[in-house]
Amino acid sequence: MISNTKKNVIDLFLLKNNKDLINVELVFSKFLKKLFKNKSKNFYKKIQCACGSKNILKKINIEFFEYRQCVCRTFYVNPMIKDSTLDLIYSNKGPYALYRKKFIENKSKKNLRMNKINKRKVKQVLKVLKNKNKKLLDFGCGDGGFLKVCKKYGIKNLSGVDTKYSSQEKFNNMSFFHSLNDLNKNNKFDCITLWGVLEHLNEPIKFLKLIKAFLKRGGHIILEVPNSDSFLMHYAVNHQKKLNRFLEPGRHLYFFSKKFLEILANKLNMKLIDFETNGLDLQTIIGPSNKKITKSILENQENLDLMKMSDHLRFVIQKK
């Protein structure tokens, strides 16, 4: 299904240049330093893995966080950041605002996402939908870039959810909502997408149960999350490296495994349909290079994709 869609070859440093990555990480480090100086339990809590297991394979410390590897091979941060603190991080005046400005709202980055990344996502969604008249909801849609490309490809019934919108807004025959609470509970979708959302949440399975309530029987959820089985994660753990683009301390709370996906589908009473991995592991480790070296790096990245060892998991689950 989605795994048969031709992959993009993208230079990481066109998408996120190294200087901006470093600056963003400095802002987050300062924020987290203040947070962890204050031992208040209002900011964080002790947890077990979202799969439900208390059994730990490994613990490592990177910057302010302890990363625990569960027996399901998922990594999660402990202590876990609470909702109130996440609200601070993702508020308009929080440290995530700089990330949005540098990597999401920047015009050249938008064009790259629209012309390469989002096009491939839409092609994968069309393989799942099989009908352009079906209803799609993109949760965490930001400025609606992915939905705009969906529209260009002829998908008609499009909605998005993001905190940047008021309770309900309409643009170009697309509906946008502030949160799930603003959606009519009888409004069911054929497909719900979450691109880089689940790893930012402290209770991912609880959240997906809420999402599932808006899905039609036989409908699909398509997600992309950081891959704990990736080459890049093995490198980060073995060398205890922060790796600005991947670990993103304070933002990425979970790194999910293929085993976790199977547990997740079972807990939701859904079926795991397909999965792939994609990413930019080698460039993240090596850093900016000349064109010749970059070409070689990207070619070798394709081998990691084939081995299902790239740093992001993209998968499809179906409601029974």
C-alpha atoms as a PDB file:
ATOM      1  CA  MET A   1       0.000   0.000   0.000  1.00  0.00           C
ATOM      2  CA  ILE A   2       1.821   3.170   1.173  1.00  0.00           C
ATOM      3  CA  SER A   3       5.193   1.425   1.252  1.00  0.00           C
ATOM      4  CA  ASN A   4       5.104   0.999  -2.536  1.00  0.00           C
ATOM      5  CA  THR A   5       5.016   4.755  -3.166  1.00  0.00           C
ATOM      6  CA  LYS A   6       8.243   6.063  -4.712  1.00  0.00           C
ATOM      7  CA  LYS A   7      10.416   7.778  -2.111  1.00  0.00           C
ATOM      8  CA  ASN A   8      11.665  11.361  -2.250  1.00  0.00           C
ATOM      9  CA  VAL A   9      15.355  12.207  -2.128  1.00  0.00           C
ATOM     10  CA  ILE A  10      15.656  15.333   0.024  1.00  0.00           C
ATOM     11  CA  ASP A  11      18.644  17.232   1.342  1.00  0.00           C
ATOM     12  CA  LEU A  12      18.015  17.730   5.071  1.00  0.00           C
ATOM     13  CA  PHE A  13      19.859  21.042   5.165  1.00  0.00           C
ATOM     14  CA  LEU A  14      17.583  22.563   2.536  1.00  0.00           C
ATOM     15  CA  LEU A  15      14.682  21.670   4.800  1.00  0.00           C
ATOM     16  CA  LYS A  16      16.350  22.590   8.104  1.00  0.00           C
ATOM     17  CA  ASN A  17      19.675  24.372   7.855  1.00  0.00           C
ATOM     18  CA  ASN A  18      22.272  23.591  10.493  1.00  0.00           C
ATOM     19  CA  LYS A  19      22.523  27.090  11.972  1.00  0.00           C
ATOM     20  CA  ASP A  20      18.769  27.273  12.560  1.00  0.00           C
ATOM     21  CA  LEU A  21      18.745  23.778  14.090  1.00  0.00           C
ATOM     22  CA  ILE A  22      21.432  24.830  16.577  1.00  0.00           C
ATOM     23  CA  ASN A  23      19.662  28.116  17.433  1.00  0.00           C
ATOM     24  CA  VAL A  24      16.337  26.366  18.021  1.00  0.00           C
ATOM     25  CA  GLU A  25      17.999  23.802  20.292  1.00  0.00           C
ATOM     26  CA  LEU A  26      19.651  26.572  22.331  1.00  0.00           C
ATOM     27  CA  VAL A  27      16.260  28.201  22.958  1.00  0.00           C
ATOM     28  CA  PHE A  28      14.774  24.878  24.066  1.00  0.00           C
ATOM     29  CA  SER A  29      17.780  24.083  26.270  1.00  0.00           C
ATOM     30  CA  LYS A  30      17.406  27.385  28.128  1.00  0.00           C
ATOM     31  CA  PHE A  31      13.696  26.742  28.628  1.00  0.00           C
ATOM     32  CA  LEU A  32      14.268  23.188  29.886  1.00  0.00           C
ATOM     33  CA  LYS A  33      17.096  24.287  32.192  1.00  0.00           C
ATOM     34  CA  LYS A  34      14.726  26.675  33.974  1.00  0.00           C
ATOM     35  CA  LEU A  35      12.056  23.989  34.083  1.00  0.00           C
ATOM     36  CA  PHE A  36      14.256  21.337  35.656  1.00  0.00           C
ATOM     37  CA  LYS A  37      15.791  23.732  38.174  1.00  0.00           C
ATOM     38  CA  ASN A  38      12.302  23.951  39.622  1.00  0.00           C
ATOM     39  CA  LYS A  39      11.501  20.533  41.133  1.00  0.00           C
ATOM     40  CA  SER A  40       7.745  21.225  41.145  1.00  0.00           C
ATOM     41  CA  LYS A  41       5.586  18.220  40.289  1.00  0.00           C
ATOM     42  CA  ASN A  42       3.376  20.642  38.350  1.00  0.00           C
ATOM     43  CA  PHE A  43       5.820  20.307  35.458  1.00  0.00           C
ATOM     44  CA  TYR A  44       6.451  16.584  35.129  1.00  0.00           C
ATOM     45  CA  LYS A  45       5.466  13.118  36.399  1.00  0.00           C
ATOM     46  CA  LYS A  46       6.873   9.592  36.638  1.00  0.00           C
ATOM     47  CA  ILE A  47       5.318   7.179  34.123  1.00  0.00           C
ATOM     48  CA  GLN A  48       5.519   3.735  32.539  1.00  0.00           C
ATOM     49  CA  CYS A  49       5.495   3.028  28.792  1.00  0.00           C
ATOM     50  CA  ALA A  50       2.261   3.722  26.915  1.00  0.00           C
ATOM     51  CA  CYS A  51       2.138   0.014  25.981  1.00  0.00           C
ATOM     52  CA  GLY A  52       1.400  -0.698  29.670  1.00  0.00           C
ATOM     53  CA  SER A  53       4.621  -2.512  30.579  1.00  0.00           C
ATOM     54  CA  LYS A  54       6.779  -1.502  33.544  1.00  0.00           C
ATOM     55  CA  ASN A  55       9.722  -3.593  32.342  1.00  0.00           C
ATOM     56  CA  ILE A  56      12.770  -1.637  31.154  1.00  0.00           C
ATOM     57  CA  LEU A  57      15.555  -2.866  28.873  1.00  0.00           C
ATOM     58  CA  LYS A  58      17.791   0.199  29.044  1.00  0.00           C
ATOM     59  CA  LYS A  59      18.141   3.680  30.540  1.00  0.00           C
ATOM     60  CA  ILE A  60      20.288   6.509  29.170  1.00  0.00           C
ATOM     61  CA  ASN A  61      20.629  10.168  30.113  1.00  0.00           C
ATOM     62  CA  ILE A  62      20.843  12.883  27.482  1.00  0.00           C
ATOM     63  CA  GLU A  63      20.676  16.524  28.535  1.00  0.00           C
ATOM     64  CA  PHE A  64      17.780  16.939  31.004  1.00  0.00           C
ATOM     65  CA  PHE A  65      16.015  13.652  30.309  1.00  0.00           C
ATOM     66  CA  GLU A  66      16.330  10.009  31.129  1.00  0.00           C
ATOM     67  CA  TYR A  67      15.322   7.946  28.096  1.00  0.00           C
ATOM     68  CA  ARG A  68      13.907   4.537  28.986  1.00  0.00           C
ATOM     69  CA  GLN A  69      13.618   1.660  26.561  1.00  0.00           C
ATOM     70  CA  CYS A  70      10.615  -0.542  27.257  1.00  0.00           C
ATOM     71  CA  VAL A  71      10.522  -4.281  26.471  1.00  0.00           C
ATOM     72  CA  CYS A  72       8.395  -3.294  23.442  1.00  0.00           C
ATOM     73  CA  ARG A  73      11.574  -1.420  22.310  1.00  0.00           C
ATOM     74  CA  THR A  74       9.849   1.965  22.445  1.00  0.00           C
ATOM     75  CA  PHE A  75      11.841   4.774  24.092  1.00  0.00           C
ATOM     76  CA  TYR A  76      10.102   7.377  26.246  1.00  0.00           C
ATOM     77  CA  VAL A  77      11.261  10.224  28.459  1.00  0.00           C
ATOM     78  CA  ASN A  78      11.016   9.926  32.201  1.00  0.00           C
ATOM     79  CA  PRO A  79       9.973  12.017  34.033  1.00  0.00           C
ATOM     80  CA  MET A  80       7.251  12.777  31.490  1.00  0.00           C
ATOM     81  CA  ILE A  81       6.292  16.389  30.782  1.00  0.00           C
ATOM     82  CA  LYS A  82       2.761  17.191  31.968  1.00  0.00           C
ATOM     83  CA  ASP A  83      -0.009  18.759  29.875  1.00  0.00           C
ATOM     84  CA  SER A  84       0.324  22.150  31.580  1.00  0.00           C
ATOM     85  CA  THR A  85       4.004  22.322  30.626  1.00  0.00           C
ATOM     86  CA  LEU A  86       3.297  21.155  27.062  1.00  0.00           C
ATOM     87  CA  ASP A  87       0.787  24.008  26.817  1.00  0.00           C
ATOM     88  CA  LEU A  88       3.609  26.412  27.719  1.00  0.00           C
ATOM     89  CA  ILE A  89       5.989  24.876  25.164  1.00  0.00           C
ATOM     90  CA  TYR A  90       3.489  25.054  22.288  1.00  0.00           C
ATOM     91  CA  SER A  91       1.896  28.406  23.152  1.00  0.00           C
ATOM     92  CA  ASN A  92       2.412  31.385  20.837  1.00  0.00           C
ATOM     93  CA  LYS A  93       5.011  32.754  23.274  1.00  0.00           C
ATOM     94  CA  GLY A  94       6.618  29.404  24.070  1.00  0.00           C
ATOM     95  CA  PRO A  95       9.918  28.038  22.678  1.00  0.00           C
ATOM     96  CA  TYR A  96       8.156  26.084  19.916  1.00  0.00           C
ATOM     97  CA  ALA A  97       7.200  29.401  18.274  1.00  0.00           C
ATOM     98  CA  LEU A  98      10.814  29.767  17.053  1.00  0.00           C
ATOM     99  CA  TYR A  99      10.718  26.245  15.562  1.00  0.00           C
ATOM    100  CA  ARG A 100       7.527  27.135  13.656  1.00  0.00           C
ATOM    101  CA  LYS A 101       9.058  30.364  12.391  1.00  0.00           C
ATOM    102  CA  LYS A 102      12.305  28.748  11.184  1.00  0.00           C
ATOM    103  CA  PHE A 103      11.059  25.473   9.730  1.00  0.00           C
ATOM    104  CA  ILE A 104       7.298  25.581   9.145  1.00  0.00           C
ATOM    105  CA  GLU A 105       6.316  29.159   8.300  1.00  0.00           C
ATOM    106  CA  ASN A 106       9.471  29.958   6.289  1.00  0.00           C
ATOM    107  CA  LYS A 107       8.461  30.390   2.625  1.00  0.00           C
ATOM    108  CA  SER A 108      11.261  28.337   1.016  1.00  0.00           C
ATOM    109  CA  LYS A 109      10.718  25.478   3.500  1.00  0.00           C
ATOM    110  CA  LYS A 110       6.979  25.592   2.788  1.00  0.00           C
ATOM    111  CA  ASN A 111       7.609  25.238  -0.952  1.00  0.00           C
ATOM    112  CA  LEU A 112       9.877  22.237  -0.418  1.00  0.00           C
ATOM    113  CA  ARG A 113       7.285  20.563   1.793  1.00  0.00           C
ATOM    114  CA  MET A 114       4.500  21.300  -0.693  1.00  0.00           C
ATOM    115  CA  ASN A 115       6.390  20.173  -3.798  1.00  0.00           C
ATOM    116  CA  LYS A 116       8.036  17.026  -2.441  1.00  0.00           C
ATOM    117  CA  ILE A 117       7.066  15.870   1.044  1.00  0.00           C
ATOM    118  CA  ASN A 118       3.339  16.618   0.957  1.00  0.00           C
ATOM    119  CA  LYS A 119       2.928  15.347  -2.608  1.00  0.00           C
ATOM    120  CA  ARG A 120       4.180  11.926  -1.590  1.00  0.00           C
ATOM    121  CA  LYS A 121       1.937  11.909   1.490  1.00  0.00           C
ATOM    122  CA  VAL A 122      -1.089  12.701  -0.680  1.00  0.00           C
ATOM    123  CA  LYS A 123      -0.246   9.890  -3.105  1.00  0.00           C
ATOM    124  CA  GLN A 124      -0.118   7.501  -0.160  1.00  0.00           C
ATOM    125  CA  VAL A 125      -3.427   8.802   1.198  1.00  0.00           C
ATOM    126  CA  LEU A 126      -5.071   8.290  -2.198  1.00  0.00           C
ATOM    127  CA  LYS A 127      -3.966   4.646  -2.132  1.00  0.00           C
ATOM    128  CA  VAL A 128      -5.809   4.303   1.164  1.00  0.00           C
ATOM    129  CA  LEU A 129      -8.907   6.382   0.309  1.00  0.00           C
ATOM    130  CA  LYS A 130      -9.388   5.039  -3.246  1.00  0.00           C
ATOM    131  CA  ASN A 131     -12.116   7.642  -3.727  1.00  0.00           C
ATOM    132  CA  LYS A 132     -11.552  11.409  -3.896  1.00  0.00           C
ATOM    133  CA  ASN A 133     -15.039  12.121  -2.498  1.00  0.00           C
ATOM    134  CA  LYS A 134     -14.281  10.532   0.861  1.00  0.00           C
ATOM    135  CA  LYS A 135     -13.729  12.608   4.013  1.00  0.00           C
ATOM    136  CA  LEU A 136     -10.267  13.340   5.387  1.00  0.00           C
ATOM    137  CA  LEU A 137      -9.215  15.024   8.631  1.00  0.00           C
ATOM    138  CA  ASP A 138      -5.622  16.176   9.241  1.00  0.00           C
ATOM    139  CA  PHE A 139      -4.915  16.580  12.967  1.00  0.00           C
ATOM    140  CA  GLY A 140      -2.132  19.053  13.776  1.00  0.00           C
ATOM    141  CA  CYS A 141      -2.561  20.554  10.313  1.00  0.00           C
ATOM    142  CA  GLY A 142      -0.660  23.803  10.986  1.00  0.00           C
ATOM    143  CA  ASP A 143      -1.281  26.240   8.140  1.00  0.00           C
ATOM    144  CA  GLY A 144      -3.032  23.515   6.127  1.00  0.00           C
ATOM    145  CA  GLY A 145      -0.144  22.880   3.713  1.00  0.00           C
ATOM    146  CA  PHE A 146      -0.834  19.151   3.430  1.00  0.00           C
ATOM    147  CA  LEU A 147      -4.571  19.772   2.927  1.00  0.00           C
ATOM    148  CA  LYS A 148      -3.858  22.296   0.161  1.00  0.00           C
ATOM    149  CA  VAL A 149      -1.937  19.630  -1.750  1.00  0.00           C
ATOM    150  CA  CYS A 150      -4.787  17.154  -1.118  1.00  0.00           C
ATOM    151  CA  LYS A 151      -7.112  19.663  -2.734  1.00  0.00           C
ATOM    152  CA  LYS A 152      -4.812  20.047  -5.762  1.00  0.00           C
ATOM    153  CA  TYR A 153      -5.028  16.278  -6.232  1.00  0.00           C
ATOM    154  CA  GLY A 154      -8.825  16.416  -6.214  1.00  0.00           C
ATOM    155  CA  ILE A 155      -9.692  15.242  -2.703  1.00  0.00           C
ATOM    156  CA  LYS A 156     -12.876  17.170  -1.923  1.00  0.00           C
ATOM    157  CA  ASN A 157     -13.990  16.757   1.709  1.00  0.00           C
ATOM    158  CA  LEU A 158     -11.105  18.173   3.731  1.00  0.00           C
ATOM    159  CA  SER A 159     -10.866  19.287   7.365  1.00  0.00           C
ATOM    160  CA  GLY A 160      -8.022  20.172   9.723  1.00  0.00           C
ATOM    161  CA  VAL A 161      -7.494  20.607  13.458  1.00  0.00           C
ATOM    162  CA  ASP A 162      -4.877  22.934  14.933  1.00  0.00           C
ATOM    163  CA  THR A 163      -4.751  25.307  17.905  1.00  0.00           C
ATOM    164  CA  LYS A 164      -3.917  28.225  15.595  1.00  0.00           C
ATOM    165  CA  TYR A 165      -7.593  28.337  14.484  1.00  0.00           C
ATOM    166  CA  SER A 166     -10.637  29.556  16.386  1.00  0.00           C
ATOM    167  CA  SER A 167     -13.472  27.109  17.155  1.00  0.00           C
ATOM    168  CA  GLN A 168     -14.347  26.798  13.443  1.00  0.00           C
ATOM    169  CA  GLU A 169     -13.086  28.530  10.302  1.00  0.00           C
ATOM    170  CA  LYS A 170     -13.554  27.918   6.580  1.00  0.00           C
ATOM    171  CA  PHE A 171     -11.050  28.611   3.780  1.00  0.00           C
ATOM    172  CA  ASN A 172     -11.241  27.512   0.150  1.00  0.00           C
ATOM    173  CA  ASN A 173     -14.001  24.980   0.908  1.00  0.00           C
ATOM    174  CA  MET A 174     -11.923  23.424   3.701  1.00  0.00           C
ATOM    175  CA  SER A 175     -12.988  23.381   7.365  1.00  0.00           C
ATOM    176  CA  PHE A 176     -10.587  24.098  10.218  1.00  0.00           C
ATOM    177  CA  PHE A 177     -11.144  23.564  13.946  1.00  0.00           C
ATOM    178  CA  HIS A 178      -9.301  24.553  17.130  1.00  0.00           C
ATOM    179  CA  SER A 179      -9.630  21.115  18.772  1.00  0.00           C
ATOM    180  CA  LEU A 180     -11.524  17.836  18.586  1.00  0.00           C
ATOM    181  CA  ASN A 181     -14.069  19.334  20.994  1.00  0.00           C
ATOM    182  CA  ASP A 182     -15.169  21.705  18.216  1.00  0.00           C
ATOM    183  CA  LEU A 183     -16.081  18.821  15.894  1.00  0.00           C
ATOM    184  CA  ASN A 184     -19.579  17.409  15.766  1.00  0.00           C
ATOM    185  CA  LYS A 185     -19.392  13.953  17.387  1.00  0.00           C
ATOM    186  CA  ASN A 186     -21.533  12.577  14.566  1.00  0.00           C
ATOM    187  CA  ASN A 187     -19.038  13.868  12.005  1.00  0.00           C
ATOM    188  CA  LYS A 188     -17.150  10.727  10.957  1.00  0.00           C
ATOM    189  CA  PHE A 189     -14.155  10.568   8.607  1.00  0.00           C
ATOM    190  CA  ASP A 190     -12.864   7.943   6.173  1.00  0.00           C
ATOM    191  CA  CYS A 191      -9.244   8.845   6.890  1.00  0.00           C
ATOM    192  CA  ILE A 192      -7.485  10.761   9.683  1.00  0.00           C
ATOM    193  CA  THR A 193      -3.832  11.755   9.306  1.00  0.00           C
ATOM    194  CA  LEU A 194      -1.335  12.672  12.027  1.00  0.00           C
ATOM    195  CA  TRP A 195       2.040  13.734  10.642  1.00  0.00           C
ATOM    196  CA  GLY A 196       4.581  14.095  13.449  1.00  0.00           C
ATOM    197  CA  VAL A 197       1.976  14.493  16.193  1.00  0.00           C
ATOM    198  CA  LEU A 198       1.948  11.396  18.414  1.00  0.00           C
ATOM    199  CA  GLU A 199       5.530  11.781  19.680  1.00  0.00           C
ATOM    200  CA  HIS A 200       4.627  15.184  21.172  1.00  0.00           C
ATOM    201  CA  LEU A 201       1.861  13.746  23.385  1.00  0.00           C
ATOM    202  CA  ASN A 202       2.325  12.316  26.867  1.00  0.00           C
ATOM    203  CA  GLU A 203      -0.578   9.819  26.571  1.00  0.00           C
ATOM    204  CA  PRO A 204      -0.541   8.674  22.926  1.00  0.00           C
ATOM    205  CA  ILE A 205      -2.912   5.700  23.181  1.00  0.00           C
ATOM    206  CA  LYS A 206      -5.481   7.654  25.200  1.00  0.00           C
ATOM    207  CA  PHE A 207      -5.362  10.343  22.507  1.00  0.00           C
ATOM    208  CA  LEU A 208      -5.792   7.852  19.648  1.00  0.00           C
ATOM    209  CA  LYS A 209      -8.884   6.448  21.352  1.00  0.00           C
ATOM    210  CA  LEU A 210     -10.360   9.962  21.112  1.00  0.00           C
ATOM    211  CA  ILE A 211      -9.348  10.176  17.442  1.00  0.00           C
ATOM    212  CA  LYS A 212     -10.858   6.767  16.680  1.00  0.00           C
ATOM    213  CA  ALA A 213     -14.293   8.035  17.788  1.00  0.00           C
ATOM    214  CA  PHE A 214     -14.314  10.292  14.694  1.00  0.00           C
ATOM    215  CA  LEU A 215     -13.442   7.455  12.303  1.00  0.00           C
ATOM    216  CA  LYS A 216     -15.956   5.526  10.209  1.00  0.00           C
ATOM    217  CA  ARG A 217     -16.022   1.741  10.396  1.00  0.00           C
ATOM    218  CA  GLY A 218     -13.434   0.500   7.923  1.00  0.00           C
ATOM    219  CA  GLY A 219     -11.742   3.916   8.019  1.00  0.00           C
ATOM    220  CA  HIS A 220      -7.996   4.431   8.315  1.00  0.00           C
ATOM    221  CA  ILE A 221      -5.605   6.423  10.487  1.00  0.00           C
ATOM    222  CA  ILE A 222      -2.241   7.272   8.886  1.00  0.00           C
ATOM    223  CA  LEU A 223       0.557   8.335  11.227  1.00  0.00           C
ATOM    224  CA  GLU A 224       4.219   9.243  11.106  1.00  0.00           C
ATOM    225  CA  VAL A 225       6.368   8.990  14.256  1.00  0.00           C
ATOM    226  CA  PRO A 226      10.086   8.725  15.180  1.00  0.00           C
ATOM    227  CA  ASN A 227      11.386   5.159  14.827  1.00  0.00           C
ATOM    228  CA  SER A 228      13.062   3.663  17.909  1.00  0.00           C
ATOM    229  CA  ASP A 229      14.421   0.776  15.790  1.00  0.00           C
ATOM    230  CA  SER A 230      16.250   3.165  13.483  1.00  0.00           C
ATOM    231  CA  PHE A 231      19.970   3.367  12.762  1.00  0.00           C
ATOM    232  CA  LEU A 232      19.865   6.932  14.105  1.00  0.00           C
ATOM    233  CA  MET A 233      18.333   5.881  17.437  1.00  0.00           C
ATOM    234  CA  HIS A 234      20.968   3.157  17.860  1.00  0.00           C
ATOM    235  CA  TYR A 235      23.639   5.794  17.216  1.00  0.00           C
ATOM    236  CA  ALA A 236      22.082   8.269  19.668  1.00  0.00           C
ATOM    237  CA  VAL A 237      21.862   5.626  22.406  1.00  0.00           C
ATOM    238  CA  ASN A 238      25.321   4.121  21.900  1.00  0.00           C
ATOM    239  CA  HIS A 239      27.034   7.523  21.823  1.00  0.00           C
ATOM    240  CA  GLN A 240      24.543   9.366  24.058  1.00  0.00           C
ATOM    241  CA  LYS A 241      24.285  12.143  21.465  1.00  0.00           C
ATOM    242  CA  LYS A 242      21.512  14.740  21.477  1.00  0.00           C
ATOM    243  CA  LEU A 243      21.212  14.834  17.652  1.00  0.00           C
ATOM    244  CA  ASN A 244      19.340  18.137  17.250  1.00  0.00           C
ATOM    245  CA  ARG A 245      16.962  17.085  14.498  1.00  0.00           C
ATOM    246  CA  PHE A 246      15.903  13.714  15.944  1.00  0.00           C
ATOM    247  CA  LEU A 247      15.788  13.576  19.744  1.00  0.00           C
ATOM    248  CA  GLU A 248      14.508  17.153  20.079  1.00  0.00           C
ATOM    249  CA  PRO A 249      14.440  17.104  23.917  1.00  0.00           C
ATOM    250  CA  GLY A 250      11.273  18.626  25.324  1.00  0.00           C
ATOM    251  CA  ARG A 251       9.359  18.001  22.088  1.00  0.00           C
ATOM    252  CA  HIS A 252       9.814  14.331  21.243  1.00  0.00           C
ATOM    253  CA  LEU A 253       8.495  12.401  24.228  1.00  0.00           C
ATOM    254  CA  TYR A 254       8.203   8.997  22.540  1.00  0.00           C
ATOM    255  CA  PHE A 255      10.153   7.047  19.911  1.00  0.00           C
ATOM    256  CA  PHE A 256       8.021   4.151  18.709  1.00  0.00           C
ATOM    257  CA  SER A 257       8.912   0.614  17.624  1.00  0.00           C
ATOM    258  CA  LYS A 258       7.271  -1.758  15.141  1.00  0.00           C
ATOM    259  CA  LYS A 259       6.361  -3.932  18.151  1.00  0.00           C
ATOM    260  CA  PHE A 260       4.602  -0.962  19.744  1.00  0.00           C
ATOM    261  CA  LEU A 261       2.539  -0.468  16.570  1.00  0.00           C
ATOM    262  CA  GLU A 262       1.244  -4.022  16.900  1.00  0.00           C
ATOM    263  CA  ILE A 263       0.371  -3.438  20.579  1.00  0.00           C
ATOM    264  CA  LEU A 264      -1.222  -0.093  19.685  1.00  0.00           C
ATOM    265  CA  ALA A 265      -3.446  -1.642  16.989  1.00  0.00           C
ATOM    266  CA  ASN A 266      -4.518  -4.373  19.421  1.00  0.00           C
ATOM    267  CA  LYS A 267      -5.347  -1.900  22.218  1.00  0.00           C
ATOM    268  CA  LEU A 268      -7.442   0.173  19.793  1.00  0.00           C
ATOM    269  CA  ASN A 269      -9.105  -2.947  18.324  1.00  0.00           C
ATOM    270  CA  MET A 270      -7.780  -1.882  14.933  1.00  0.00           C
ATOM    271  CA  LYS A 271      -5.727  -3.629  12.268  1.00  0.00           C
ATOM    272  CA  LEU A 272      -2.146  -2.706  11.295  1.00  0.00           C
ATOM    273  CA  ILE A 273      -2.338  -2.548   7.482  1.00  0.00           C
ATOM    274  CA  ASP A 274       1.068  -1.353   6.312  1.00  0.00           C
ATOM    275  CA  PHE A 275       4.193   0.474   7.421  1.00  0.00           C
ATOM    276  CA  GLU A 276       7.428   1.883   6.028  1.00  0.00           C
ATOM    277  CA  THR A 277      10.386   3.845   7.315  1.00  0.00           C
ATOM    278  CA  ASN A 278      11.900   6.969   5.824  1.00  0.00           C
ATOM    279  CA  GLY A 279      14.304   9.572   7.087  1.00  0.00           C
ATOM    280  CA  LEU A 280      17.611  11.389   7.037  1.00  0.00           C
ATOM    281  CA  ASP A 281      19.697   9.424   9.530  1.00  0.00           C
ATOM    282  CA  LEU A 282      23.075   9.772   7.846  1.00  0.00           C
ATOM    283  CA  GLN A 283      22.876  13.510   7.192  1.00  0.00           C
ATOM    284  CA  THR A 284      21.757  14.041  10.795  1.00  0.00           C
ATOM    285  CA  ILE A 285      24.933  12.322  12.017  1.00  0.00           C
ATOM    286  CA  ILE A 286      27.438  13.616   9.436  1.00  0.00           C
ATOM    287  CA  GLY A 287      26.139  17.172   9.069  1.00  0.00           C
ATOM    288  CA  PRO A 288      26.381  19.512   6.047  1.00  0.00           C
ATOM    289  CA  SER A 289      28.608  18.257   3.201  1.00  0.00           C
ATOM    290  CA  ASN A 290      29.553  19.146  -0.365  1.00  0.00           C
ATOM    291  CA  LYS A 291      27.244  18.061  -3.215  1.00  0.00           C
ATOM    292  CA  LYS A 292      29.207  14.924  -4.129  1.00  0.00           C
ATOM    293  CA  ILE A 293      29.257  13.612  -0.558  1.00  0.00           C
ATOM    294  CA  THR A 294      25.608  14.571  -0.031  1.00  0.00           C
ATOM    295  CA  LYS A 295      24.599  12.557  -3.110  1.00  0.00           C
ATOM    296  CA  SER A 296      26.411   9.484  -1.762  1.00  0.00           C
ATOM    297  CA  ILE A 297      24.840   9.928   1.679  1.00  0.00           C
ATOM    298  CA  LEU A 298      21.323  10.126   0.221  1.00  0.00           C
ATOM    299  CA  GLU A 299      21.925   7.018  -1.901  1.00  0.00           C
ATOM    300  CA  ASN A 300      22.972   5.085   1.195  1.00  0.00           C
ATOM    301  CA  GLN A 301      19.959   6.421   3.070  1.00  0.00           C
ATOM    302  CA  GLU A 302      17.787   4.524   0.574  1.00  0.00           C
ATOM    303  CA  ASN A 303      19.393   1.292   1.822  1.00  0.00           C
ATOM    304  CA  LEU A 304      18.297   2.120   5.376  1.00  0.00           C
ATOM    305  CA  ASP A 305      14.775   2.692   4.033  1.00  0.00           C
ATOM    306  CA  LEU A 306      14.781  -0.755   2.438  1.00  0.00           C
ATOM    307  CA  MET A 307      15.959  -2.334   5.703  1.00  0.00           C
ATOM    308  CA  LYS A 308      13.167  -0.507   7.628  1.00  0.00           C
ATOM    309  CA  MET A 309      15.859   1.267   9.670  1.00  0.00           C
ATOM    310  CA  SER A 310      15.276   4.920   8.776  1.00  0.00           C
ATOM    311  CA  ASP A 311      14.419   7.342  11.529  1.00  0.00           C
ATOM    312  CA  HIS A 312      10.682   7.769  10.937  1.00  0.00           C
ATOM    313  CA  LEU A 313       7.904   5.185  10.875  1.00  0.00           C
ATOM    314  CA  ARG A 314       4.888   5.856   8.657  1.00  0.00           C
ATOM    315  CA  PHE A 315       2.032   3.413   9.123  1.00  0.00           C
ATOM    316  CA  VAL A 316      -1.660   2.738   8.515  1.00  0.00           C
ATOM    317  CA  ILE A 317      -4.179   1.252  10.947  1.00  0.00           C
ATOM    318  CA  GLN A 318      -7.784   0.397  10.052  1.00  0.00           C
ATOM    319  CA  LYS A 319     -10.932   0.443  12.169  1.00  0.00           C
ATOM    320  CA  LYS A 320     -12.652  -2.942  12.223  1.00  0.00           C
END
